[in-house]
Amino acid sequence: MSRQKELTRACALERVEKPASELIRFAVSPDGVLAPDVDAKAPGRGVWITASRRAIETAVAKKVFARSLKAPVTVPSDLAFMTRTRLEQRLAGALGLARKAGHLITGAAKVTSLVEKGGAAALITASDAAADSRRKMMQALRRSGREGEVPHIEALDATQLGLALGLEHVIHAALVPGAAAHSAIERARRLALFSATDEREDGTI
């Protein structure tokens, strides 16, 4: 079945059309405060900005939001930070749902086995994992012959992963194929896109 053409929106800062998945929508709350609407579901008018910290900070500085909305609006000075936090929360929520659905496993031994057998839809490593621990997991990925094919999510630290999964401390996890994995991978991709100007660009998400 052919894929539908992806929805596009115009970035109010750059004034160019882009796929909606590469933008963040911002909407005004009932009390007149602008907030990131990362799922693009809030009612009312919205403003779309390229999904990057720098673009959002520039839009705030240039008063793009009030101009686009044609109305007074309170714009938090830390809007870019708020946006990143919302994206992290959405990723954490998706990982939690994947675990409840039985589509996520934890524990170095189980994860290594799944990865080496080629059964992982995505590999998850805590952003604060020890270098040696990360190296061993990447070796397992190379042995599977799927390095570069399997997304490697490193957007959350061990504490964030633990809270998302209802566990005390999580260093390694893996997603198995399915709708829950697809949702988590897409949310990780959006967070990585947002963070690309701040962090390394080595293919991890």
C-alpha atoms as a PDB file:
ATOM      1  CA  MET A   1       0.000   0.000   0.000  1.00  0.00           C
ATOM      2  CA  SER A   2       1.432   3.406  -0.932  1.00  0.00           C
ATOM      3  CA  ARG A   3       2.142   5.913   1.801  1.00  0.00           C
ATOM      4  CA  GLN A   4       0.028   9.032   1.993  1.00  0.00           C
ATOM      5  CA  LYS A   5       1.769  12.294   1.291  1.00  0.00           C
ATOM      6  CA  GLU A   6       3.107  13.652   4.570  1.00  0.00           C
ATOM      7  CA  LEU A   7       1.348  16.648   6.059  1.00  0.00           C
ATOM      8  CA  THR A   8       3.296  19.895   5.714  1.00  0.00           C
ATOM      9  CA  ARG A   9       3.171  23.181   7.574  1.00  0.00           C
ATOM     10  CA  ALA A  10       4.984  26.512   7.231  1.00  0.00           C
ATOM     11  CA  CYS A  11       7.626  27.461   9.785  1.00  0.00           C
ATOM     12  CA  ALA A  12       6.623  30.930  11.007  1.00  0.00           C
ATOM     13  CA  LEU A  13      10.260  31.851  11.561  1.00  0.00           C
ATOM     14  CA  GLU A  14      11.829  30.603   8.329  1.00  0.00           C
ATOM     15  CA  ARG A  15       8.675  31.023   6.222  1.00  0.00           C
ATOM     16  CA  VAL A  16       9.180  27.757   4.363  1.00  0.00           C
ATOM     17  CA  GLU A  17       7.027  24.639   4.090  1.00  0.00           C
ATOM     18  CA  LYS A  18       8.332  21.550   5.889  1.00  0.00           C
ATOM     19  CA  PRO A  19       6.957  18.146   6.894  1.00  0.00           C
ATOM     20  CA  ALA A  20       4.967  18.551  10.120  1.00  0.00           C
ATOM     21  CA  SER A  21       7.201  15.900  11.716  1.00  0.00           C
ATOM     22  CA  GLU A  22      10.110  18.350  11.448  1.00  0.00           C
ATOM     23  CA  LEU A  23       8.225  21.144  13.192  1.00  0.00           C
ATOM     24  CA  ILE A  24       6.803  21.846  16.646  1.00  0.00           C
ATOM     25  CA  ARG A  25       3.360  23.376  17.056  1.00  0.00           C
ATOM     26  CA  PHE A  26       2.807  26.007  19.741  1.00  0.00           C
ATOM     27  CA  ALA A  27      -0.629  26.917  21.045  1.00  0.00           C
ATOM     28  CA  VAL A  28      -2.037  29.460  23.489  1.00  0.00           C
ATOM     29  CA  SER A  29      -3.460  28.159  26.765  1.00  0.00           C
ATOM     30  CA  PRO A  30      -6.779  29.514  28.125  1.00  0.00           C
ATOM     31  CA  ASP A  31      -4.839  31.944  30.325  1.00  0.00           C
ATOM     32  CA  GLY A  32      -3.017  33.417  27.334  1.00  0.00           C
ATOM     33  CA  VAL A  33       0.348  31.710  27.795  1.00  0.00           C
ATOM     34  CA  LEU A  34       2.101  30.072  24.861  1.00  0.00           C
ATOM     35  CA  ALA A  35       3.012  26.403  25.331  1.00  0.00           C
ATOM     36  CA  PRO A  36       4.533  23.650  23.164  1.00  0.00           C
ATOM     37  CA  ASP A  37       1.855  21.413  21.657  1.00  0.00           C
ATOM     38  CA  VAL A  38       4.194  18.597  20.637  1.00  0.00           C
ATOM     39  CA  ASP A  39       1.343  16.260  19.687  1.00  0.00           C
ATOM     40  CA  ALA A  40      -0.378  19.018  17.654  1.00  0.00           C
ATOM     41  CA  LYS A  41      -3.744  18.317  19.257  1.00  0.00           C
ATOM     42  CA  ALA A  42      -4.505  21.478  21.231  1.00  0.00           C
ATOM     43  CA  PRO A  43      -7.557  23.449  20.043  1.00  0.00           C
ATOM     44  CA  GLY A  44      -7.371  26.878  18.499  1.00  0.00           C
ATOM     45  CA  ARG A  45      -4.786  28.571  16.342  1.00  0.00           C
ATOM     46  CA  GLY A  46      -1.224  27.407  16.470  1.00  0.00           C
ATOM     47  CA  VAL A  47       2.200  28.503  15.326  1.00  0.00           C
ATOM     48  CA  TRP A  48       4.636  26.047  13.763  1.00  0.00           C
ATOM     49  CA  ILE A  49       8.387  26.428  14.263  1.00  0.00           C
ATOM     50  CA  THR A  50      11.262  24.228  13.074  1.00  0.00           C
ATOM     51  CA  ALA A  51      11.990  21.598  15.704  1.00  0.00           C
ATOM     52  CA  SER A  52      15.262  22.916  17.096  1.00  0.00           C
ATOM     53  CA  ARG A  53      16.321  24.794  20.192  1.00  0.00           C
ATOM     54  CA  ARG A  54      17.943  27.548  18.164  1.00  0.00           C
ATOM     55  CA  ALA A  55      14.888  28.111  15.979  1.00  0.00           C
ATOM     56  CA  ILE A  56      12.592  28.401  18.999  1.00  0.00           C
ATOM     57  CA  GLU A  57      14.948  30.746  20.850  1.00  0.00           C
ATOM     58  CA  THR A  58      15.207  32.909  17.730  1.00  0.00           C
ATOM     59  CA  ALA A  59      11.430  32.948  17.327  1.00  0.00           C
ATOM     60  CA  VAL A  60      11.058  34.115  20.935  1.00  0.00           C
ATOM     61  CA  ALA A  61      13.681  36.844  20.480  1.00  0.00           C
ATOM     62  CA  LYS A  62      12.084  38.109  17.260  1.00  0.00           C
ATOM     63  CA  LYS A  63       8.543  38.022  18.701  1.00  0.00           C
ATOM     64  CA  VAL A  64       7.422  35.695  15.919  1.00  0.00           C
ATOM     65  CA  PHE A  65       4.606  34.150  17.959  1.00  0.00           C
ATOM     66  CA  ALA A  66       2.646  37.336  18.659  1.00  0.00           C
ATOM     67  CA  ARG A  67       3.088  38.441  15.046  1.00  0.00           C
ATOM     68  CA  SER A  68       1.852  35.128  13.680  1.00  0.00           C
ATOM     69  CA  LEU A  69      -1.103  34.929  16.068  1.00  0.00           C
ATOM     70  CA  LYS A  70      -1.939  38.609  15.519  1.00  0.00           C
ATOM     71  CA  ALA A  71      -2.734  38.882  19.211  1.00  0.00           C
ATOM     72  CA  PRO A  72      -0.944  39.565  22.497  1.00  0.00           C
ATOM     73  CA  VAL A  73       0.475  36.409  24.047  1.00  0.00           C
ATOM     74  CA  THR A  74       2.709  35.647  27.004  1.00  0.00           C
ATOM     75  CA  VAL A  75       5.779  33.786  25.758  1.00  0.00           C
ATOM     76  CA  PRO A  76       7.851  32.036  28.464  1.00  0.00           C
ATOM     77  CA  SER A  77      11.541  32.905  28.247  1.00  0.00           C
ATOM     78  CA  ASP A  78      12.397  29.226  28.711  1.00  0.00           C
ATOM     79  CA  LEU A  79      10.111  28.029  25.903  1.00  0.00           C
ATOM     80  CA  ALA A  80      12.879  25.993  24.253  1.00  0.00           C
ATOM     81  CA  PHE A  81      13.609  24.189  27.528  1.00  0.00           C
ATOM     82  CA  MET A  82       9.901  23.554  28.042  1.00  0.00           C
ATOM     83  CA  THR A  83       9.716  22.073  24.554  1.00  0.00           C
ATOM     84  CA  ARG A  84      12.598  19.693  25.148  1.00  0.00           C
ATOM     85  CA  THR A  85      11.043  18.617  28.455  1.00  0.00           C
ATOM     86  CA  ARG A  86       7.721  17.867  26.738  1.00  0.00           C
ATOM     87  CA  LEU A  87       9.480  15.822  24.056  1.00  0.00           C
ATOM     88  CA  GLU A  88      11.349  13.857  26.728  1.00  0.00           C
ATOM     89  CA  GLN A  89       8.083  13.237  28.577  1.00  0.00           C
ATOM     90  CA  ARG A  90       6.405  11.956  25.411  1.00  0.00           C
ATOM     91  CA  LEU A  91       9.294   9.584  24.730  1.00  0.00           C
ATOM     92  CA  ALA A  92       9.243   8.333  28.318  1.00  0.00           C
ATOM     93  CA  GLY A  93       5.499   7.765  28.061  1.00  0.00           C
ATOM     94  CA  ALA A  94       5.853   5.816  24.819  1.00  0.00           C
ATOM     95  CA  LEU A  95       8.551   3.600  26.335  1.00  0.00           C
ATOM     96  CA  GLY A  96       6.343   2.944  29.356  1.00  0.00           C
ATOM     97  CA  LEU A  97       3.456   1.897  27.114  1.00  0.00           C
ATOM     98  CA  ALA A  98       5.784  -0.359  25.117  1.00  0.00           C
ATOM     99  CA  ARG A  99       6.849  -2.144  28.310  1.00  0.00           C
ATOM    100  CA  LYS A 100       3.238  -2.609  29.430  1.00  0.00           C
ATOM    101  CA  ALA A 101       2.450  -4.085  26.017  1.00  0.00           C
ATOM    102  CA  GLY A 102       5.338  -6.530  26.363  1.00  0.00           C
ATOM    103  CA  HIS A 103       7.305  -4.875  23.567  1.00  0.00           C
ATOM    104  CA  LEU A 104      10.264  -3.699  25.648  1.00  0.00           C
ATOM    105  CA  ILE A 105      12.825  -5.702  27.582  1.00  0.00           C
ATOM    106  CA  THR A 106      15.461  -4.609  30.091  1.00  0.00           C
ATOM    107  CA  GLY A 107      18.636  -6.076  31.541  1.00  0.00           C
ATOM    108  CA  ALA A 108      22.021  -6.285  29.849  1.00  0.00           C
ATOM    109  CA  ALA A 109      21.961 -10.068  29.324  1.00  0.00           C
ATOM    110  CA  LYS A 110      18.453 -10.166  27.805  1.00  0.00           C
ATOM    111  CA  VAL A 111      19.085  -7.118  25.678  1.00  0.00           C
ATOM    112  CA  THR A 112      22.412  -8.454  24.405  1.00  0.00           C
ATOM    113  CA  SER A 113      20.798 -11.767  23.440  1.00  0.00           C
ATOM    114  CA  LEU A 114      17.939 -10.076  21.595  1.00  0.00           C
ATOM    115  CA  VAL A 115      20.273  -7.692  19.777  1.00  0.00           C
ATOM    116  CA  GLU A 116      22.700 -10.425  18.696  1.00  0.00           C
ATOM    117  CA  LYS A 117      19.824 -12.492  17.302  1.00  0.00           C
ATOM    118  CA  GLY A 118      18.660  -9.538  15.225  1.00  0.00           C
ATOM    119  CA  GLY A 119      15.341  -9.268  17.031  1.00  0.00           C
ATOM    120  CA  ALA A 120      15.578  -5.681  18.281  1.00  0.00           C
ATOM    121  CA  ALA A 121      13.578  -2.898  16.656  1.00  0.00           C
ATOM    122  CA  ALA A 122      15.660  -0.372  18.610  1.00  0.00           C
ATOM    123  CA  LEU A 123      18.427  -0.413  21.188  1.00  0.00           C
ATOM    124  CA  ILE A 124      18.110   1.863  24.217  1.00  0.00           C
ATOM    125  CA  THR A 125      21.091   2.948  26.302  1.00  0.00           C
ATOM    126  CA  ALA A 126      21.000   5.404  29.198  1.00  0.00           C
ATOM    127  CA  SER A 127      22.745   8.643  28.254  1.00  0.00           C
ATOM    128  CA  ASP A 128      24.859   8.358  31.425  1.00  0.00           C
ATOM    129  CA  ALA A 129      25.841   4.716  30.880  1.00  0.00           C
ATOM    130  CA  ALA A 130      29.494   3.865  31.521  1.00  0.00           C
ATOM    131  CA  ALA A 131      31.654   3.917  28.394  1.00  0.00           C
ATOM    132  CA  ASP A 132      32.605   0.246  28.776  1.00  0.00           C
ATOM    133  CA  SER A 133      28.978  -0.801  29.190  1.00  0.00           C
ATOM    134  CA  ARG A 134      27.977   1.104  26.072  1.00  0.00           C
ATOM    135  CA  ARG A 135      30.921  -0.329  24.117  1.00  0.00           C
ATOM    136  CA  LYS A 136      29.922  -3.915  24.911  1.00  0.00           C
ATOM    137  CA  MET A 137      26.359  -3.310  23.751  1.00  0.00           C
ATOM    138  CA  MET A 138      27.567  -1.742  20.521  1.00  0.00           C
ATOM    139  CA  GLN A 139      29.747  -4.792  19.941  1.00  0.00           C
ATOM    140  CA  ALA A 140      26.645  -6.967  20.259  1.00  0.00           C
ATOM    141  CA  LEU A 141      24.917  -4.776  17.696  1.00  0.00           C
ATOM    142  CA  ARG A 142      27.847  -5.156  15.293  1.00  0.00           C
ATOM    143  CA  ARG A 143      27.779  -8.938  15.713  1.00  0.00           C
ATOM    144  CA  SER A 144      24.136  -8.932  14.671  1.00  0.00           C
ATOM    145  CA  GLY A 145      25.109  -7.434  11.310  1.00  0.00           C
ATOM    146  CA  ARG A 146      22.462  -4.715  11.739  1.00  0.00           C
ATOM    147  CA  GLU A 147      24.610  -1.808  12.906  1.00  0.00           C
ATOM    148  CA  GLY A 148      23.338   1.363  11.277  1.00  0.00           C
ATOM    149  CA  GLU A 149      19.962  -0.259  10.683  1.00  0.00           C
ATOM    150  CA  VAL A 150      18.741  -0.523  14.275  1.00  0.00           C
ATOM    151  CA  PRO A 151      18.014   2.878  15.876  1.00  0.00           C
ATOM    152  CA  HIS A 152      20.063   3.537  19.018  1.00  0.00           C
ATOM    153  CA  ILE A 153      18.162   5.698  21.500  1.00  0.00           C
ATOM    154  CA  GLU A 154      20.329   7.540  24.023  1.00  0.00           C
ATOM    155  CA  ALA A 155      18.083  10.496  24.828  1.00  0.00           C
ATOM    156  CA  LEU A 156      17.223   9.689  28.459  1.00  0.00           C
ATOM    157  CA  ASP A 157      19.436   9.020  31.466  1.00  0.00           C
ATOM    158  CA  ALA A 158      19.168   5.997  33.760  1.00  0.00           C
ATOM    159  CA  THR A 159      16.881   7.758  36.217  1.00  0.00           C
ATOM    160  CA  GLN A 160      14.513   8.952  33.483  1.00  0.00           C
ATOM    161  CA  LEU A 161      14.392   5.462  31.977  1.00  0.00           C
ATOM    162  CA  GLY A 162      13.732   3.943  35.394  1.00  0.00           C
ATOM    163  CA  LEU A 163      10.836   6.307  36.046  1.00  0.00           C
ATOM    164  CA  ALA A 164       9.394   5.679  32.580  1.00  0.00           C
ATOM    165  CA  LEU A 165       9.550   1.914  32.978  1.00  0.00           C
ATOM    166  CA  GLY A 166       8.581   1.682  36.644  1.00  0.00           C
ATOM    167  CA  LEU A 167      11.996   0.352  37.617  1.00  0.00           C
ATOM    168  CA  GLU A 168      14.665   1.719  39.910  1.00  0.00           C
ATOM    169  CA  HIS A 169      17.556   2.026  37.486  1.00  0.00           C
ATOM    170  CA  VAL A 170      17.743   1.183  33.792  1.00  0.00           C
ATOM    171  CA  ILE A 171      20.926   1.224  31.709  1.00  0.00           C
ATOM    172  CA  HIS A 172      20.055  -1.048  28.779  1.00  0.00           C
ATOM    173  CA  ALA A 173      16.739  -1.849  27.124  1.00  0.00           C
ATOM    174  CA  ALA A 174      15.476  -2.870  23.709  1.00  0.00           C
ATOM    175  CA  LEU A 175      12.246  -2.565  21.769  1.00  0.00           C
ATOM    176  CA  VAL A 176      10.823  -5.480  19.828  1.00  0.00           C
ATOM    177  CA  PRO A 177       8.964  -4.862  16.539  1.00  0.00           C
ATOM    178  CA  GLY A 178       5.400  -3.619  16.779  1.00  0.00           C
ATOM    179  CA  ALA A 179       3.238  -0.511  16.883  1.00  0.00           C
ATOM    180  CA  ALA A 180       4.470   0.427  20.368  1.00  0.00           C
ATOM    181  CA  ALA A 181       8.079   0.290  19.194  1.00  0.00           C
ATOM    182  CA  HIS A 182       7.256   2.379  16.126  1.00  0.00           C
ATOM    183  CA  SER A 183       5.662   5.066  18.296  1.00  0.00           C
ATOM    184  CA  ALA A 184       8.631   5.194  20.688  1.00  0.00           C
ATOM    185  CA  ILE A 185      11.144   5.339  17.829  1.00  0.00           C
ATOM    186  CA  GLU A 186       9.276   8.225  16.199  1.00  0.00           C
ATOM    187  CA  ARG A 187       9.210  10.166  19.471  1.00  0.00           C
ATOM    188  CA  ALA A 188      12.923   9.507  19.931  1.00  0.00           C
ATOM    189  CA  ARG A 189      13.554  10.734  16.397  1.00  0.00           C
ATOM    190  CA  ARG A 190      11.745  14.015  17.087  1.00  0.00           C
ATOM    191  CA  LEU A 191      13.679  14.542  20.312  1.00  0.00           C
ATOM    192  CA  ALA A 192      16.949  13.839  18.504  1.00  0.00           C
ATOM    193  CA  LEU A 193      16.015  16.309  15.773  1.00  0.00           C
ATOM    194  CA  PHE A 194      15.344  18.963  18.392  1.00  0.00           C
ATOM    195  CA  SER A 195      18.624  18.232  20.184  1.00  0.00           C
ATOM    196  CA  ALA A 196      20.824  18.012  17.083  1.00  0.00           C
ATOM    197  CA  THR A 197      22.155  21.542  17.505  1.00  0.00           C
ATOM    198  CA  ASP A 198      23.168  20.880  21.100  1.00  0.00           C
ATOM    199  CA  GLU A 199      24.587  17.389  21.098  1.00  0.00           C
ATOM    200  CA  ARG A 200      26.726  15.036  19.036  1.00  0.00           C
ATOM    201  CA  GLU A 201      25.571  13.971  15.594  1.00  0.00           C
ATOM    202  CA  ASP A 202      26.825  10.371  15.500  1.00  0.00           C
ATOM    203  CA  GLY A 203      23.646   8.638  14.367  1.00  0.00           C
ATOM    204  CA  THR A 204      22.253   7.988  17.849  1.00  0.00           C
ATOM    205  CA  ILE A 205      18.789   9.136  18.830  1.00  0.00           C
END
